[in-house]
Amino acid sequence: MAYHIKTAFRGTNPILQICDVSSGSVRMAWEYPRDDLERDEDPELLAMRREEAIHDLFRRLFLLTTEQYLKGELDPMPRLGAWRRASRPRAE
């Protein structure tokens, strides 16, 4: 399954949208949390919210990739260490 990835900024906040090419359906939508300077929140709390949002993004990307893998939509993964064996010069 192929995806179309759209990225943009809403003000200063990045947004991400991943859509299925064949159906056009949105598979994932994410927006970085906004800084609410008017609310006078604790800067540490704002930093923690931003960090949680980034963790949420990677968790959702992992789940999307896992779904593709389980449906057989991805190429088979190379065996562990296969890249090392292919790049090493062979002793003759």
C-alpha atoms as a PDB file:
ATOM      1  CA  MET A   1       0.000   0.000   0.000  1.00  0.00           C
ATOM      2  CA  ALA A   2       1.466   3.341  -1.005  1.00  0.00           C
ATOM      3  CA  TYR A   3       1.055   6.468   1.076  1.00  0.00           C
ATOM      4  CA  HIS A   4       1.057  10.167   0.334  1.00  0.00           C
ATOM      5  CA  ILE A   5       2.636  12.180   3.160  1.00  0.00           C
ATOM      6  CA  LYS A   6       1.594  15.794   3.617  1.00  0.00           C
ATOM      7  CA  THR A   7       3.492  18.100   5.934  1.00  0.00           C
ATOM      8  CA  ALA A   8       2.801  21.739   6.663  1.00  0.00           C
ATOM      9  CA  PHE A   9       2.892  24.386   9.359  1.00  0.00           C
ATOM     10  CA  ARG A  10      -0.120  25.790  11.161  1.00  0.00           C
ATOM     11  CA  GLY A  11       1.419  28.970  12.460  1.00  0.00           C
ATOM     12  CA  THR A  12       4.681  27.733  13.952  1.00  0.00           C
ATOM     13  CA  ASN A  13       3.394  24.224  14.716  1.00  0.00           C
ATOM     14  CA  PRO A  14       4.213  21.376  12.310  1.00  0.00           C
ATOM     15  CA  ILE A  15       1.432  19.063  11.169  1.00  0.00           C
ATOM     16  CA  LEU A  16       1.640  15.681   9.462  1.00  0.00           C
ATOM     17  CA  GLN A  17      -0.958  13.734   7.496  1.00  0.00           C
ATOM     18  CA  ILE A  18      -0.463  10.293   5.953  1.00  0.00           C
ATOM     19  CA  CYS A  19      -3.034   9.259   3.332  1.00  0.00           C
ATOM     20  CA  ASP A  20      -3.578   5.980   1.489  1.00  0.00           C
ATOM     21  CA  VAL A  21      -2.916   6.640  -2.216  1.00  0.00           C
ATOM     22  CA  SER A  22      -5.485   4.169  -3.568  1.00  0.00           C
ATOM     23  CA  SER A  23      -8.460   5.155  -1.392  1.00  0.00           C
ATOM     24  CA  GLY A  24      -7.423   8.666  -0.374  1.00  0.00           C
ATOM     25  CA  SER A  25      -8.340   7.912   3.244  1.00  0.00           C
ATOM     26  CA  VAL A  26      -6.349   9.510   6.034  1.00  0.00           C
ATOM     27  CA  ARG A  27      -4.372   6.827   7.847  1.00  0.00           C
ATOM     28  CA  MET A  28      -2.783   9.150  10.402  1.00  0.00           C
ATOM     29  CA  ALA A  29      -3.064  12.838  11.295  1.00  0.00           C
ATOM     30  CA  TRP A  30      -0.809  14.524  13.862  1.00  0.00           C
ATOM     31  CA  GLU A  31      -0.188  18.067  15.042  1.00  0.00           C
ATOM     32  CA  TYR A  32       2.546  19.310  17.344  1.00  0.00           C
ATOM     33  CA  PRO A  33       1.030  20.818  20.512  1.00  0.00           C
ATOM     34  CA  ARG A  34       0.675  24.566  20.563  1.00  0.00           C
ATOM     35  CA  ASP A  35       2.348  26.794  23.094  1.00  0.00           C
ATOM     36  CA  ASP A  36      -0.358  28.625  24.980  1.00  0.00           C
ATOM     37  CA  LEU A  37       1.594  31.639  26.128  1.00  0.00           C
ATOM     38  CA  GLU A  38      -1.579  33.329  27.336  1.00  0.00           C
ATOM     39  CA  ARG A  39      -2.281  30.647  29.952  1.00  0.00           C
ATOM     40  CA  ASP A  40       1.023  31.200  31.820  1.00  0.00           C
ATOM     41  CA  GLU A  41       1.663  27.491  32.202  1.00  0.00           C
ATOM     42  CA  ASP A  42       4.772  26.070  33.727  1.00  0.00           C
ATOM     43  CA  PRO A  43       7.529  25.839  31.052  1.00  0.00           C
ATOM     44  CA  GLU A  44       8.457  22.355  32.294  1.00  0.00           C
ATOM     45  CA  LEU A  45       4.868  21.188  31.820  1.00  0.00           C
ATOM     46  CA  LEU A  46       4.840  22.578  28.268  1.00  0.00           C
ATOM     47  CA  ALA A  47       8.139  20.812  27.512  1.00  0.00           C
ATOM     48  CA  MET A  48       6.713  17.553  28.857  1.00  0.00           C
ATOM     49  CA  ARG A  49       3.611  17.903  26.644  1.00  0.00           C
ATOM     50  CA  ARG A  50       5.791  18.484  23.579  1.00  0.00           C
ATOM     51  CA  GLU A  51       7.893  15.426  24.405  1.00  0.00           C
ATOM     52  CA  GLU A  52       4.761  13.302  24.881  1.00  0.00           C
ATOM     53  CA  ALA A  53       3.449  14.467  21.497  1.00  0.00           C
ATOM     54  CA  ILE A  54       6.660  13.376  19.773  1.00  0.00           C
ATOM     55  CA  HIS A  55       6.500   9.992  21.514  1.00  0.00           C
ATOM     56  CA  ASP A  56       2.875   9.670  20.388  1.00  0.00           C
ATOM     57  CA  LEU A  57       3.898  10.401  16.789  1.00  0.00           C
ATOM     58  CA  PHE A  58       6.534   7.657  16.759  1.00  0.00           C
ATOM     59  CA  ARG A  59       4.192   5.204  18.486  1.00  0.00           C
ATOM     60  CA  ARG A  60       1.526   5.810  15.824  1.00  0.00           C
ATOM     61  CA  LEU A  61       4.071   5.488  12.997  1.00  0.00           C
ATOM     62  CA  PHE A  62       5.258   2.209  14.513  1.00  0.00           C
ATOM     63  CA  LEU A  63       1.676   0.894  14.657  1.00  0.00           C
ATOM     64  CA  LEU A  64       1.044   1.934  11.051  1.00  0.00           C
ATOM     65  CA  THR A  65       4.201   0.160   9.880  1.00  0.00           C
ATOM     66  CA  THR A  66       3.343  -2.920  11.957  1.00  0.00           C
ATOM     67  CA  GLU A  67      -0.114  -3.055  10.381  1.00  0.00           C
ATOM     68  CA  GLN A  68       1.456  -2.951   6.913  1.00  0.00           C
ATOM     69  CA  TYR A  69       3.915  -5.698   7.844  1.00  0.00           C
ATOM     70  CA  LEU A  70       1.180  -7.969   9.230  1.00  0.00           C
ATOM     71  CA  LYS A  71      -0.951  -7.475   6.121  1.00  0.00           C
ATOM     72  CA  GLY A  72       2.035  -8.465   3.959  1.00  0.00           C
ATOM     73  CA  GLU A  73       2.232  -5.061   2.298  1.00  0.00           C
ATOM     74  CA  LEU A  74       5.938  -4.576   3.056  1.00  0.00           C
ATOM     75  CA  ASP A  75       8.911  -6.356   1.563  1.00  0.00           C
ATOM     76  CA  PRO A  76      10.272  -9.081   3.809  1.00  0.00           C
ATOM     77  CA  MET A  77      12.739  -7.837   6.372  1.00  0.00           C
ATOM     78  CA  PRO A  78      16.370  -8.908   5.822  1.00  0.00           C
ATOM     79  CA  ARG A  79      17.746 -11.334   8.349  1.00  0.00           C
ATOM     80  CA  LEU A  80      19.439  -9.868  11.362  1.00  0.00           C
ATOM     81  CA  GLY A  81      23.015  -8.942  10.471  1.00  0.00           C
ATOM     82  CA  ALA A  82      22.511  -9.468   6.724  1.00  0.00           C
ATOM     83  CA  TRP A  83      23.773  -5.973   5.963  1.00  0.00           C
ATOM     84  CA  ARG A  84      27.036  -6.749   7.745  1.00  0.00           C
ATOM     85  CA  ARG A  85      27.669  -9.912   5.770  1.00  0.00           C
ATOM     86  CA  ALA A  86      26.961  -8.169   2.472  1.00  0.00           C
ATOM     87  CA  SER A  87      29.313  -5.241   3.163  1.00  0.00           C
ATOM     88  CA  ARG A  88      32.271  -7.281   4.469  1.00  0.00           C
ATOM     89  CA  PRO A  89      34.971  -8.170   1.966  1.00  0.00           C
ATOM     90  CA  ARG A  90      35.429 -11.910   1.793  1.00  0.00           C
ATOM     91  CA  ALA A  91      38.771 -13.473   2.611  1.00  0.00           C
ATOM     92  CA  GLU A  92      40.003 -15.734  -0.138  1.00  0.00           C
END
